[in-house]
Amino acid sequence: MQENQTAVTEFFLLGFNGSKFLRFTMFCVFHMVYCGTICGNLLIIFLLSTSRNLHTPMYFFISQLSTCDIFLTTTVVPNMLLILLNNGGTITFAGCLIQFYFFCASEVFECFLLTVMSYDRYVAICNPLRYNSVMTSTCCVILVISCWVLGFSASFIDTLMAQMLDFCGPNIIDHYFCDLNPLLEIACSDTYPIQLDVSLLGIPALIIPTIIIITSYAKIASIILKIPSSTGRQKAFSTCSSHLIVVSIFYWTLFSVYVVPSRGKSSTISKILSLLYTVFTPLINPIIYSLRNKDIRKAVTEISSKYLLCANCP
């Protein structure tokens, strides 16, 4: 049997320090945000699966993004709420690795999915006549499955490397979930191999998708600017503006936490930045797509009217 070199069997997550009133207030706020996130994303999935007008590649990808948001926030927020109530909480070594695995998988999946969605908008605007032949149902399903496989595969490698770290000193993690950087800070073994591994995986998982997204939107912008009428330009831009906002928010927070050097960055700032993409971004995404999308607003109106008529039927 392979000897377990990890002396620490559990970790203590500090969460957010503060008075009991502050922690209870944060609990109430984050609990409402979590409920709103689940309900909002489930509503998006329900609308896109029941409305025939929304059975297009773009909305299929949006439904997958909503699934990912539910997956991500459920991995992190429930345990964070318990930590807020108890002023900290323990998590086993295995539980910490499992949480890190699913968190990492959802983040990598979203990176690839947002890249696929930018390519979808590129084909729709730059090659509209070929759109139906390029973005077929089979192609969309293959792209989404590939994103999930890549996400879970990259996460498995990172988690495997994290499992090889030795934790023999303090077992206190100054964070509200098991993220990579806080784990590296308390490891008592050499962290260079996993840092090298993360850097190498970051090229296909973060850098290449970023380049593809920037290139796609640069070409989209060049095409939109060539449209003679302002109405045509506005209509073309509206088809990708929601996705562009989501991409900007997601990548800004991701780069702020994992790419910008952590030296001089306090743990409080790191926690706040992490809250943006683990708690608030999954809530913002369905709001952006529902408020800025006429088709989704129309589907909400139609389904609401349908159920109201059924409720009033004798």
C-alpha atoms as a PDB file:
ATOM      1  CA  MET A   1       0.000   0.000   0.000  1.00  0.00           C
ATOM      2  CA  GLN A   2       1.328   3.403  -0.949  1.00  0.00           C
ATOM      3  CA  GLU A   3       2.293   5.382   2.124  1.00  0.00           C
ATOM      4  CA  ASN A   4       0.268   8.505   2.680  1.00  0.00           C
ATOM      5  CA  GLN A   5       2.759  11.290   3.184  1.00  0.00           C
ATOM      6  CA  THR A   6       0.120  13.851   4.123  1.00  0.00           C
ATOM      7  CA  ALA A   7       0.240  14.412   7.875  1.00  0.00           C
ATOM      8  CA  VAL A   8      -2.725  16.793   7.833  1.00  0.00           C
ATOM      9  CA  THR A   9      -6.025  14.935   7.486  1.00  0.00           C
ATOM     10  CA  GLU A  10      -8.321  17.952   7.522  1.00  0.00           C
ATOM     11  CA  PHE A  11      -8.224  21.685   6.953  1.00  0.00           C
ATOM     12  CA  PHE A  12      -9.878  24.582   8.747  1.00  0.00           C
ATOM     13  CA  LEU A  13     -11.391  27.176   6.415  1.00  0.00           C
ATOM     14  CA  LEU A  14     -11.418  30.624   8.015  1.00  0.00           C
ATOM     15  CA  GLY A  15     -13.964  32.120   5.656  1.00  0.00           C
ATOM     16  CA  PHE A  16     -14.698  35.783   6.394  1.00  0.00           C
ATOM     17  CA  ASN A  17     -13.549  37.305   9.657  1.00  0.00           C
ATOM     18  CA  GLY A  18     -15.873  39.741  11.360  1.00  0.00           C
ATOM     19  CA  SER A  19     -18.523  40.199  13.992  1.00  0.00           C
ATOM     20  CA  LYS A  20     -21.438  37.840  14.365  1.00  0.00           C
ATOM     21  CA  PHE A  21     -23.805  40.464  12.944  1.00  0.00           C
ATOM     22  CA  LEU A  22     -21.589  40.986   9.871  1.00  0.00           C
ATOM     23  CA  ARG A  23     -21.315  37.272   9.230  1.00  0.00           C
ATOM     24  CA  PHE A  24     -25.077  36.796   9.611  1.00  0.00           C
ATOM     25  CA  THR A  25     -25.707  39.680   7.205  1.00  0.00           C
ATOM     26  CA  MET A  26     -23.303  38.141   4.684  1.00  0.00           C
ATOM     27  CA  PHE A  27     -25.037  34.794   5.169  1.00  0.00           C
ATOM     28  CA  CYS A  28     -28.421  36.308   4.342  1.00  0.00           C
ATOM     29  CA  VAL A  29     -27.076  38.135   1.295  1.00  0.00           C
ATOM     30  CA  PHE A  30     -25.195  35.138  -0.107  1.00  0.00           C
ATOM     31  CA  HIS A  31     -28.132  32.833   0.616  1.00  0.00           C
ATOM     32  CA  MET A  32     -30.461  35.093  -1.400  1.00  0.00           C
ATOM     33  CA  VAL A  33     -27.872  35.328  -4.182  1.00  0.00           C
ATOM     34  CA  TYR A  34     -27.523  31.542  -4.234  1.00  0.00           C
ATOM     35  CA  CYS A  35     -31.291  31.014  -4.405  1.00  0.00           C
ATOM     36  CA  GLY A  36     -31.554  33.640  -7.140  1.00  0.00           C
ATOM     37  CA  THR A  37     -28.715  31.977  -9.058  1.00  0.00           C
ATOM     38  CA  ILE A  38     -30.328  28.542  -8.948  1.00  0.00           C
ATOM     39  CA  CYS A  39     -33.795  29.834  -9.839  1.00  0.00           C
ATOM     40  CA  GLY A  40     -32.539  32.159 -12.580  1.00  0.00           C
ATOM     41  CA  ASN A  41     -30.393  29.554 -14.306  1.00  0.00           C
ATOM     42  CA  LEU A  42     -33.063  26.857 -13.974  1.00  0.00           C
ATOM     43  CA  LEU A  43     -35.519  29.276 -15.571  1.00  0.00           C
ATOM     44  CA  ILE A  44     -33.125  29.851 -18.471  1.00  0.00           C
ATOM     45  CA  ILE A  45     -32.707  26.088 -18.953  1.00  0.00           C
ATOM     46  CA  PHE A  46     -36.486  25.562 -18.774  1.00  0.00           C
ATOM     47  CA  LEU A  47     -37.214  28.324 -21.276  1.00  0.00           C
ATOM     48  CA  LEU A  48     -34.596  27.171 -23.748  1.00  0.00           C
ATOM     49  CA  SER A  49     -35.768  23.558 -23.579  1.00  0.00           C
ATOM     50  CA  THR A  50     -39.507  24.264 -23.936  1.00  0.00           C
ATOM     51  CA  SER A  51     -39.639  27.168 -26.414  1.00  0.00           C
ATOM     52  CA  ARG A  52     -39.225  26.031 -30.018  1.00  0.00           C
ATOM     53  CA  ASN A  53     -38.080  29.476 -31.103  1.00  0.00           C
ATOM     54  CA  LEU A  54     -35.036  29.106 -28.859  1.00  0.00           C
ATOM     55  CA  HIS A  55     -33.842  25.776 -30.267  1.00  0.00           C
ATOM     56  CA  THR A  56     -30.789  27.302 -31.942  1.00  0.00           C
ATOM     57  CA  PRO A  57     -27.047  26.777 -31.364  1.00  0.00           C
ATOM     58  CA  MET A  58     -26.633  30.064 -29.508  1.00  0.00           C
ATOM     59  CA  TYR A  59     -29.350  29.255 -26.980  1.00  0.00           C
ATOM     60  CA  PHE A  60     -28.134  25.677 -26.642  1.00  0.00           C
ATOM     61  CA  PHE A  61     -24.753  27.055 -25.545  1.00  0.00           C
ATOM     62  CA  ILE A  62     -26.479  29.481 -23.162  1.00  0.00           C
ATOM     63  CA  SER A  63     -28.307  26.559 -21.523  1.00  0.00           C
ATOM     64  CA  GLN A  64     -24.959  24.806 -21.042  1.00  0.00           C
ATOM     65  CA  LEU A  65     -23.542  27.971 -19.477  1.00  0.00           C
ATOM     66  CA  SER A  66     -26.477  28.018 -17.053  1.00  0.00           C
ATOM     67  CA  THR A  67     -25.807  24.365 -16.204  1.00  0.00           C
ATOM     68  CA  CYS A  68     -22.173  25.216 -15.521  1.00  0.00           C
ATOM     69  CA  ASP A  69     -23.166  28.176 -13.324  1.00  0.00           C
ATOM     70  CA  ILE A  70     -25.421  25.945 -11.218  1.00  0.00           C
ATOM     71  CA  PHE A  71     -22.639  23.364 -10.985  1.00  0.00           C
ATOM     72  CA  LEU A  72     -20.039  25.964  -9.947  1.00  0.00           C
ATOM     73  CA  THR A  73     -22.063  27.827  -7.354  1.00  0.00           C
ATOM     74  CA  THR A  74     -23.356  24.593  -5.772  1.00  0.00           C
ATOM     75  CA  THR A  75     -19.786  23.367  -5.396  1.00  0.00           C
ATOM     76  CA  VAL A  76     -18.739  26.431  -3.385  1.00  0.00           C
ATOM     77  CA  VAL A  77     -21.639  28.372  -1.844  1.00  0.00           C
ATOM     78  CA  PRO A  78     -23.461  25.845   0.438  1.00  0.00           C
ATOM     79  CA  ASN A  79     -20.261  25.045   2.333  1.00  0.00           C
ATOM     80  CA  MET A  80     -19.406  28.758   2.463  1.00  0.00           C
ATOM     81  CA  LEU A  81     -22.778  29.485   4.105  1.00  0.00           C
ATOM     82  CA  LEU A  82     -22.030  26.921   6.832  1.00  0.00           C
ATOM     83  CA  ILE A  83     -18.630  28.498   7.378  1.00  0.00           C
ATOM     84  CA  LEU A  84     -20.260  31.921   7.826  1.00  0.00           C
ATOM     85  CA  LEU A  85     -22.715  30.575  10.404  1.00  0.00           C
ATOM     86  CA  ASN A  86     -20.049  28.705  12.390  1.00  0.00           C
ATOM     87  CA  ASN A  87     -17.272  31.311  12.040  1.00  0.00           C
ATOM     88  CA  GLY A  88     -15.121  28.829  10.150  1.00  0.00           C
ATOM     89  CA  GLY A  89     -15.370  25.151   9.361  1.00  0.00           C
ATOM     90  CA  THR A  90     -13.372  22.009   8.852  1.00  0.00           C
ATOM     91  CA  ILE A  91     -13.109  20.014   5.656  1.00  0.00           C
ATOM     92  CA  THR A  92     -11.327  16.718   5.192  1.00  0.00           C
ATOM     93  CA  PHE A  93      -8.316  16.424   2.929  1.00  0.00           C
ATOM     94  CA  ALA A  94     -10.312  14.263   0.505  1.00  0.00           C
ATOM     95  CA  GLY A  95     -13.268  16.645   0.650  1.00  0.00           C
ATOM     96  CA  CYS A  96     -10.978  19.585  -0.068  1.00  0.00           C
ATOM     97  CA  LEU A  97      -9.548  17.869  -3.149  1.00  0.00           C
ATOM     98  CA  ILE A  98     -13.039  16.916  -4.364  1.00  0.00           C
ATOM     99  CA  GLN A  99     -14.242  20.506  -4.022  1.00  0.00           C
ATOM    100  CA  PHE A 100     -11.153  21.771  -5.838  1.00  0.00           C
ATOM    101  CA  TYR A 101     -11.660  19.197  -8.602  1.00  0.00           C
ATOM    102  CA  PHE A 102     -15.250  20.165  -9.399  1.00  0.00           C
ATOM    103  CA  PHE A 103     -14.531  23.882  -9.011  1.00  0.00           C
ATOM    104  CA  CYS A 104     -11.580  23.661 -11.407  1.00  0.00           C
ATOM    105  CA  ALA A 105     -13.564  21.527 -13.888  1.00  0.00           C
ATOM    106  CA  SER A 106     -16.402  24.066 -14.067  1.00  0.00           C
ATOM    107  CA  GLU A 107     -13.984  26.989 -14.525  1.00  0.00           C
ATOM    108  CA  VAL A 108     -12.051  25.285 -17.336  1.00  0.00           C
ATOM    109  CA  PHE A 109     -15.295  24.190 -18.991  1.00  0.00           C
ATOM    110  CA  GLU A 110     -16.593  27.763 -18.957  1.00  0.00           C
ATOM    111  CA  CYS A 111     -13.356  29.000 -20.551  1.00  0.00           C
ATOM    112  CA  PHE A 112     -13.808  26.596 -23.462  1.00  0.00           C
ATOM    113  CA  LEU A 113     -17.575  27.141 -23.698  1.00  0.00           C
ATOM    114  CA  LEU A 114     -17.203  30.920 -23.925  1.00  0.00           C
ATOM    115  CA  THR A 115     -14.671  30.325 -26.701  1.00  0.00           C
ATOM    116  CA  VAL A 116     -17.154  28.136 -28.574  1.00  0.00           C
ATOM    117  CA  MET A 117     -19.855  30.781 -28.105  1.00  0.00           C
ATOM    118  CA  SER A 118     -17.572  33.472 -29.541  1.00  0.00           C
ATOM    119  CA  TYR A 119     -16.910  31.244 -32.566  1.00  0.00           C
ATOM    120  CA  ASP A 120     -20.655  30.754 -32.939  1.00  0.00           C
ATOM    121  CA  ARG A 121     -21.169  34.536 -33.028  1.00  0.00           C
ATOM    122  CA  TYR A 122     -18.273  34.867 -35.489  1.00  0.00           C
ATOM    123  CA  VAL A 123     -19.860  32.409 -37.927  1.00  0.00           C
ATOM    124  CA  ALA A 124     -23.323  33.989 -37.491  1.00  0.00           C
ATOM    125  CA  ILE A 125     -22.113  37.503 -38.294  1.00  0.00           C
ATOM    126  CA  CYS A 126     -19.132  36.970 -40.608  1.00  0.00           C
ATOM    127  CA  ASN A 127     -20.480  33.949 -42.541  1.00  0.00           C
ATOM    128  CA  PRO A 128     -24.269  34.054 -42.137  1.00  0.00           C
ATOM    129  CA  LEU A 129     -24.979  32.051 -45.304  1.00  0.00           C
ATOM    130  CA  ARG A 130     -22.909  29.128 -44.014  1.00  0.00           C
ATOM    131  CA  TYR A 131     -24.144  29.307 -40.428  1.00  0.00           C
ATOM    132  CA  ASN A 132     -26.717  26.499 -40.636  1.00  0.00           C
ATOM    133  CA  SER A 133     -24.299  24.187 -42.432  1.00  0.00           C
ATOM    134  CA  VAL A 134     -21.425  24.865 -40.004  1.00  0.00           C
ATOM    135  CA  MET A 135     -23.225  24.999 -36.636  1.00  0.00           C
ATOM    136  CA  THR A 136     -25.303  21.845 -37.007  1.00  0.00           C
ATOM    137  CA  SER A 137     -26.907  20.092 -34.049  1.00  0.00           C
ATOM    138  CA  THR A 138     -24.293  17.327 -34.182  1.00  0.00           C
ATOM    139  CA  CYS A 139     -21.478  19.858 -34.264  1.00  0.00           C
ATOM    140  CA  CYS A 140     -22.895  21.747 -31.270  1.00  0.00           C
ATOM    141  CA  VAL A 141     -23.258  18.589 -29.185  1.00  0.00           C
ATOM    142  CA  ILE A 142     -19.714  17.484 -30.044  1.00  0.00           C
ATOM    143  CA  LEU A 143     -18.346  20.909 -29.108  1.00  0.00           C
ATOM    144  CA  VAL A 144     -20.121  20.920 -25.748  1.00  0.00           C
ATOM    145  CA  ILE A 145     -19.073  17.347 -24.909  1.00  0.00           C
ATOM    146  CA  SER A 146     -15.508  18.246 -25.832  1.00  0.00           C
ATOM    147  CA  CYS A 147     -15.630  21.227 -23.482  1.00  0.00           C
ATOM    148  CA  TRP A 148     -16.830  19.050 -20.597  1.00  0.00           C
ATOM    149  CA  VAL A 149     -14.209  16.374 -21.300  1.00  0.00           C
ATOM    150  CA  LEU A 150     -11.411  18.947 -21.476  1.00  0.00           C
ATOM    151  CA  GLY A 151     -12.630  20.597 -18.292  1.00  0.00           C
ATOM    152  CA  PHE A 152     -12.730  17.397 -16.262  1.00  0.00           C
ATOM    153  CA  SER A 153      -9.439  16.154 -17.758  1.00  0.00           C
ATOM    154  CA  ALA A 154      -7.508  19.337 -16.960  1.00  0.00           C
ATOM    155  CA  SER A 155      -9.048  19.420 -13.484  1.00  0.00           C
ATOM    156  CA  PHE A 156      -8.045  15.793 -12.882  1.00  0.00           C
ATOM    157  CA  ILE A 157      -4.401  16.587 -13.670  1.00  0.00           C
ATOM    158  CA  ASP A 158      -4.377  19.615 -11.358  1.00  0.00           C
ATOM    159  CA  THR A 159      -6.069  17.686  -8.552  1.00  0.00           C
ATOM    160  CA  LEU A 160      -3.652  14.794  -8.949  1.00  0.00           C
ATOM    161  CA  MET A 161      -0.721  17.191  -8.612  1.00  0.00           C
ATOM    162  CA  ALA A 162      -2.318  18.842  -5.568  1.00  0.00           C
ATOM    163  CA  GLN A 163      -2.793  15.422  -3.963  1.00  0.00           C
ATOM    164  CA  MET A 164       0.976  14.891  -4.084  1.00  0.00           C
ATOM    165  CA  LEU A 165       1.645  17.957  -1.942  1.00  0.00           C
ATOM    166  CA  ASP A 166       2.684  17.430   1.687  1.00  0.00           C
ATOM    167  CA  PHE A 167       0.811  19.289   4.420  1.00  0.00           C
ATOM    168  CA  CYS A 168       2.610  18.881   7.714  1.00  0.00           C
ATOM    169  CA  GLY A 169       2.323  22.309   9.313  1.00  0.00           C
ATOM    170  CA  PRO A 170      -0.639  24.586  10.045  1.00  0.00           C
ATOM    171  CA  ASN A 171      -3.861  23.315   8.516  1.00  0.00           C
ATOM    172  CA  ILE A 172      -5.610  26.714   8.441  1.00  0.00           C
ATOM    173  CA  ILE A 173      -6.723  27.932   4.994  1.00  0.00           C
ATOM    174  CA  ASP A 174      -7.439  31.661   4.893  1.00  0.00           C
ATOM    175  CA  HIS A 175     -10.217  31.321   2.324  1.00  0.00           C
ATOM    176  CA  TYR A 176     -13.827  30.187   2.054  1.00  0.00           C
ATOM    177  CA  PHE A 177     -13.206  27.208  -0.246  1.00  0.00           C
ATOM    178  CA  CYS A 178     -10.331  24.976  -1.339  1.00  0.00           C
ATOM    179  CA  ASP A 179      -8.649  26.961  -4.087  1.00  0.00           C
ATOM    180  CA  LEU A 180      -5.171  26.273  -5.423  1.00  0.00           C
ATOM    181  CA  ASN A 181      -3.306  29.353  -4.184  1.00  0.00           C
ATOM    182  CA  PRO A 182      -4.349  28.975  -0.507  1.00  0.00           C
ATOM    183  CA  LEU A 183      -3.340  25.296  -0.644  1.00  0.00           C
ATOM    184  CA  LEU A 184       0.076  26.154  -2.051  1.00  0.00           C
ATOM    185  CA  GLU A 185       0.611  28.702   0.724  1.00  0.00           C
ATOM    186  CA  ILE A 186       0.329  26.114   3.514  1.00  0.00           C
ATOM    187  CA  ALA A 187       2.082  23.220   1.721  1.00  0.00           C
ATOM    188  CA  CYS A 188       5.399  22.222   3.276  1.00  0.00           C
ATOM    189  CA  SER A 189       6.736  20.430   0.179  1.00  0.00           C
ATOM    190  CA  ASP A 190       8.089  21.830  -3.067  1.00  0.00           C
ATOM    191  CA  THR A 191       5.264  23.525  -4.971  1.00  0.00           C
ATOM    192  CA  TYR A 192       7.229  24.176  -8.162  1.00  0.00           C
ATOM    193  CA  PRO A 193       5.980  21.021 -10.004  1.00  0.00           C
ATOM    194  CA  ILE A 194       2.313  21.932  -9.550  1.00  0.00           C
ATOM    195  CA  GLN A 195       2.977  25.587 -10.391  1.00  0.00           C
ATOM    196  CA  LEU A 196       4.697  24.447 -13.591  1.00  0.00           C
ATOM    197  CA  ASP A 197       1.806  22.092 -14.315  1.00  0.00           C
ATOM    198  CA  VAL A 198      -0.768  24.861 -13.839  1.00  0.00           C
ATOM    199  CA  SER A 199       1.257  27.215 -16.039  1.00  0.00           C
ATOM    200  CA  LEU A 200       1.493  24.643 -18.825  1.00  0.00           C
ATOM    201  CA  LEU A 201      -2.209  23.778 -18.614  1.00  0.00           C
ATOM    202  CA  GLY A 202      -3.037  27.484 -18.546  1.00  0.00           C
ATOM    203  CA  ILE A 203      -1.798  27.840 -22.125  1.00  0.00           C
ATOM    204  CA  PRO A 204      -4.508  25.636 -23.727  1.00  0.00           C
ATOM    205  CA  ALA A 205      -7.127  26.332 -21.039  1.00  0.00           C
ATOM    206  CA  LEU A 206      -6.818  30.108 -20.671  1.00  0.00           C
ATOM    207  CA  ILE A 207      -4.373  31.772 -23.059  1.00  0.00           C
ATOM    208  CA  ILE A 208      -5.468  30.086 -26.310  1.00  0.00           C
ATOM    209  CA  PRO A 209      -9.217  30.609 -25.621  1.00  0.00           C
ATOM    210  CA  THR A 210      -8.497  34.258 -24.850  1.00  0.00           C
ATOM    211  CA  ILE A 211      -6.653  34.690 -28.152  1.00  0.00           C
ATOM    212  CA  ILE A 212      -9.486  32.993 -30.068  1.00  0.00           C
ATOM    213  CA  ILE A 213     -12.128  35.176 -28.394  1.00  0.00           C
ATOM    214  CA  ILE A 214     -10.194  38.399 -29.067  1.00  0.00           C
ATOM    215  CA  THR A 215      -9.587  37.376 -32.693  1.00  0.00           C
ATOM    216  CA  SER A 216     -13.243  36.448 -33.216  1.00  0.00           C
ATOM    217  CA  TYR A 217     -14.543  39.726 -31.850  1.00  0.00           C
ATOM    218  CA  ALA A 218     -11.931  41.735 -33.757  1.00  0.00           C
ATOM    219  CA  LYS A 219     -13.243  40.218 -36.988  1.00  0.00           C
ATOM    220  CA  ILE A 220     -16.844  40.682 -35.844  1.00  0.00           C
ATOM    221  CA  ALA A 221     -16.157  44.355 -35.119  1.00  0.00           C
ATOM    222  CA  SER A 222     -14.584  44.863 -38.536  1.00  0.00           C
ATOM    223  CA  ILE A 223     -17.645  43.355 -40.226  1.00  0.00           C
ATOM    224  CA  ILE A 224     -20.107  45.388 -38.135  1.00  0.00           C
ATOM    225  CA  LEU A 225     -18.292  48.647 -38.880  1.00  0.00           C
ATOM    226  CA  LYS A 226     -18.656  47.966 -42.613  1.00  0.00           C
ATOM    227  CA  ILE A 227     -22.465  47.780 -42.366  1.00  0.00           C
ATOM    228  CA  PRO A 228     -23.741  51.033 -43.954  1.00  0.00           C
ATOM    229  CA  SER A 229     -26.876  51.630 -41.856  1.00  0.00           C
ATOM    230  CA  SER A 230     -26.763  52.372 -38.132  1.00  0.00           C
ATOM    231  CA  THR A 231     -29.818  50.152 -37.621  1.00  0.00           C
ATOM    232  CA  GLY A 232     -28.004  47.211 -39.207  1.00  0.00           C
ATOM    233  CA  ARG A 233     -24.918  47.825 -37.081  1.00  0.00           C
ATOM    234  CA  GLN A 234     -26.987  48.001 -33.922  1.00  0.00           C
ATOM    235  CA  LYS A 235     -28.869  44.802 -34.783  1.00  0.00           C
ATOM    236  CA  ALA A 236     -25.639  42.933 -35.553  1.00  0.00           C
ATOM    237  CA  PHE A 237     -23.962  44.129 -32.355  1.00  0.00           C
ATOM    238  CA  SER A 238     -26.989  43.224 -30.213  1.00  0.00           C
ATOM    239  CA  THR A 239     -26.601  39.554 -31.181  1.00  0.00           C
ATOM    240  CA  CYS A 240     -23.212  39.341 -29.464  1.00  0.00           C
ATOM    241  CA  SER A 241     -23.270  42.136 -26.865  1.00  0.00           C
ATOM    242  CA  SER A 242     -24.600  39.907 -24.058  1.00  0.00           C
ATOM    243  CA  HIS A 243     -21.924  37.299 -24.648  1.00  0.00           C
ATOM    244  CA  LEU A 244     -19.240  39.995 -24.798  1.00  0.00           C
ATOM    245  CA  ILE A 245     -20.319  41.342 -21.397  1.00  0.00           C
ATOM    246  CA  VAL A 246     -20.271  37.841 -19.858  1.00  0.00           C
ATOM    247  CA  VAL A 247     -16.830  37.129 -21.334  1.00  0.00           C
ATOM    248  CA  SER A 248     -15.440  40.439 -20.065  1.00  0.00           C
ATOM    249  CA  ILE A 249     -16.677  39.863 -16.498  1.00  0.00           C
ATOM    250  CA  PHE A 250     -15.504  36.238 -16.373  1.00  0.00           C
ATOM    251  CA  TYR A 251     -12.022  36.791 -17.792  1.00  0.00           C
ATOM    252  CA  TRP A 252     -11.416  40.010 -15.864  1.00  0.00           C
ATOM    253  CA  THR A 253     -12.000  38.278 -12.523  1.00  0.00           C
ATOM    254  CA  LEU A 254     -10.113  35.146 -13.595  1.00  0.00           C
ATOM    255  CA  PHE A 255      -7.034  37.087 -14.700  1.00  0.00           C
ATOM    256  CA  SER A 256      -7.194  39.226 -11.551  1.00  0.00           C
ATOM    257  CA  VAL A 257      -6.999  36.176  -9.290  1.00  0.00           C
ATOM    258  CA  TYR A 258      -4.755  33.740 -11.164  1.00  0.00           C
ATOM    259  CA  VAL A 259      -2.642  35.738 -13.640  1.00  0.00           C
ATOM    260  CA  VAL A 260      -1.898  39.002 -11.819  1.00  0.00           C
ATOM    261  CA  PRO A 261       0.956  38.397  -9.310  1.00  0.00           C
ATOM    262  CA  SER A 262      -0.366  37.744  -5.806  1.00  0.00           C
ATOM    263  CA  ARG A 263       2.482  39.620  -4.124  1.00  0.00           C
ATOM    264  CA  GLY A 264       1.046  42.610  -2.286  1.00  0.00           C
ATOM    265  CA  LYS A 265      -2.497  41.279  -2.681  1.00  0.00           C
ATOM    266  CA  SER A 266      -4.180  40.746   0.702  1.00  0.00           C
ATOM    267  CA  SER A 267      -6.254  37.679   1.477  1.00  0.00           C
ATOM    268  CA  THR A 268      -9.343  39.892   1.789  1.00  0.00           C
ATOM    269  CA  ILE A 269      -8.908  41.204  -1.754  1.00  0.00           C
ATOM    270  CA  SER A 270      -8.383  37.643  -3.029  1.00  0.00           C
ATOM    271  CA  LYS A 271     -11.587  36.525  -1.337  1.00  0.00           C
ATOM    272  CA  ILE A 272     -13.578  39.436  -2.771  1.00  0.00           C
ATOM    273  CA  LEU A 273     -12.273  38.764  -6.280  1.00  0.00           C
ATOM    274  CA  SER A 274     -13.090  35.070  -5.861  1.00  0.00           C
ATOM    275  CA  LEU A 275     -16.626  35.998  -4.801  1.00  0.00           C
ATOM    276  CA  LEU A 276     -17.122  37.724  -8.146  1.00  0.00           C
ATOM    277  CA  TYR A 277     -16.750  34.571 -10.244  1.00  0.00           C
ATOM    278  CA  THR A 278     -17.993  31.961  -7.752  1.00  0.00           C
ATOM    279  CA  VAL A 279     -21.046  33.765  -6.344  1.00  0.00           C
ATOM    280  CA  PHE A 280     -22.048  36.847  -8.323  1.00  0.00           C
ATOM    281  CA  THR A 281     -21.136  35.983 -11.932  1.00  0.00           C
ATOM    282  CA  PRO A 282     -23.421  32.880 -11.982  1.00  0.00           C
ATOM    283  CA  LEU A 283     -26.231  35.214 -10.859  1.00  0.00           C
ATOM    284  CA  ILE A 284     -25.391  37.963 -13.341  1.00  0.00           C
ATOM    285  CA  ASN A 285     -25.217  35.694 -16.400  1.00  0.00           C
ATOM    286  CA  PRO A 286     -28.952  34.796 -16.619  1.00  0.00           C
ATOM    287  CA  ILE A 287     -29.862  38.420 -15.828  1.00  0.00           C
ATOM    288  CA  ILE A 288     -27.716  39.699 -18.704  1.00  0.00           C
ATOM    289  CA  TYR A 289     -29.100  37.182 -21.178  1.00  0.00           C
ATOM    290  CA  SER A 290     -32.713  37.678 -20.123  1.00  0.00           C
ATOM    291  CA  LEU A 291     -32.709  41.482 -19.956  1.00  0.00           C
ATOM    292  CA  ARG A 292     -30.755  42.047 -23.176  1.00  0.00           C
ATOM    293  CA  ASN A 293     -32.373  39.320 -25.263  1.00  0.00           C
ATOM    294  CA  LYS A 294     -35.738  39.916 -26.925  1.00  0.00           C
ATOM    295  CA  ASP A 295     -36.287  36.236 -27.724  1.00  0.00           C
ATOM    296  CA  ILE A 296     -35.887  35.162 -24.089  1.00  0.00           C
ATOM    297  CA  ARG A 297     -38.113  37.989 -22.844  1.00  0.00           C
ATOM    298  CA  LYS A 298     -40.703  36.952 -25.436  1.00  0.00           C
ATOM    299  CA  ALA A 299     -40.481  33.313 -24.313  1.00  0.00           C
ATOM    300  CA  VAL A 300     -40.998  34.368 -20.677  1.00  0.00           C
ATOM    301  CA  THR A 301     -44.090  36.364 -21.682  1.00  0.00           C
ATOM    302  CA  GLU A 302     -45.537  33.527 -23.738  1.00  0.00           C
ATOM    303  CA  ILE A 303     -45.030  30.871 -21.077  1.00  0.00           C
ATOM    304  CA  SER A 304     -46.353  33.183 -18.335  1.00  0.00           C
ATOM    305  CA  SER A 305     -49.460  33.910 -20.381  1.00  0.00           C
ATOM    306  CA  LYS A 306     -49.922  30.211 -21.083  1.00  0.00           C
ATOM    307  CA  TYR A 307     -49.782  29.244 -17.416  1.00  0.00           C
ATOM    308  CA  LEU A 308     -52.033  32.117 -16.411  1.00  0.00           C
ATOM    309  CA  LEU A 309     -54.639  30.974 -18.927  1.00  0.00           C
ATOM    310  CA  CYS A 310     -54.397  27.418 -17.643  1.00  0.00           C
ATOM    311  CA  ALA A 311     -54.749  28.622 -14.062  1.00  0.00           C
ATOM    312  CA  ASN A 312     -57.894  30.579 -14.921  1.00  0.00           C
ATOM    313  CA  CYS A 313     -59.466  27.676 -16.784  1.00  0.00           C
ATOM    314  CA  PRO A 314     -62.487  26.206 -14.932  1.00  0.00           C
END
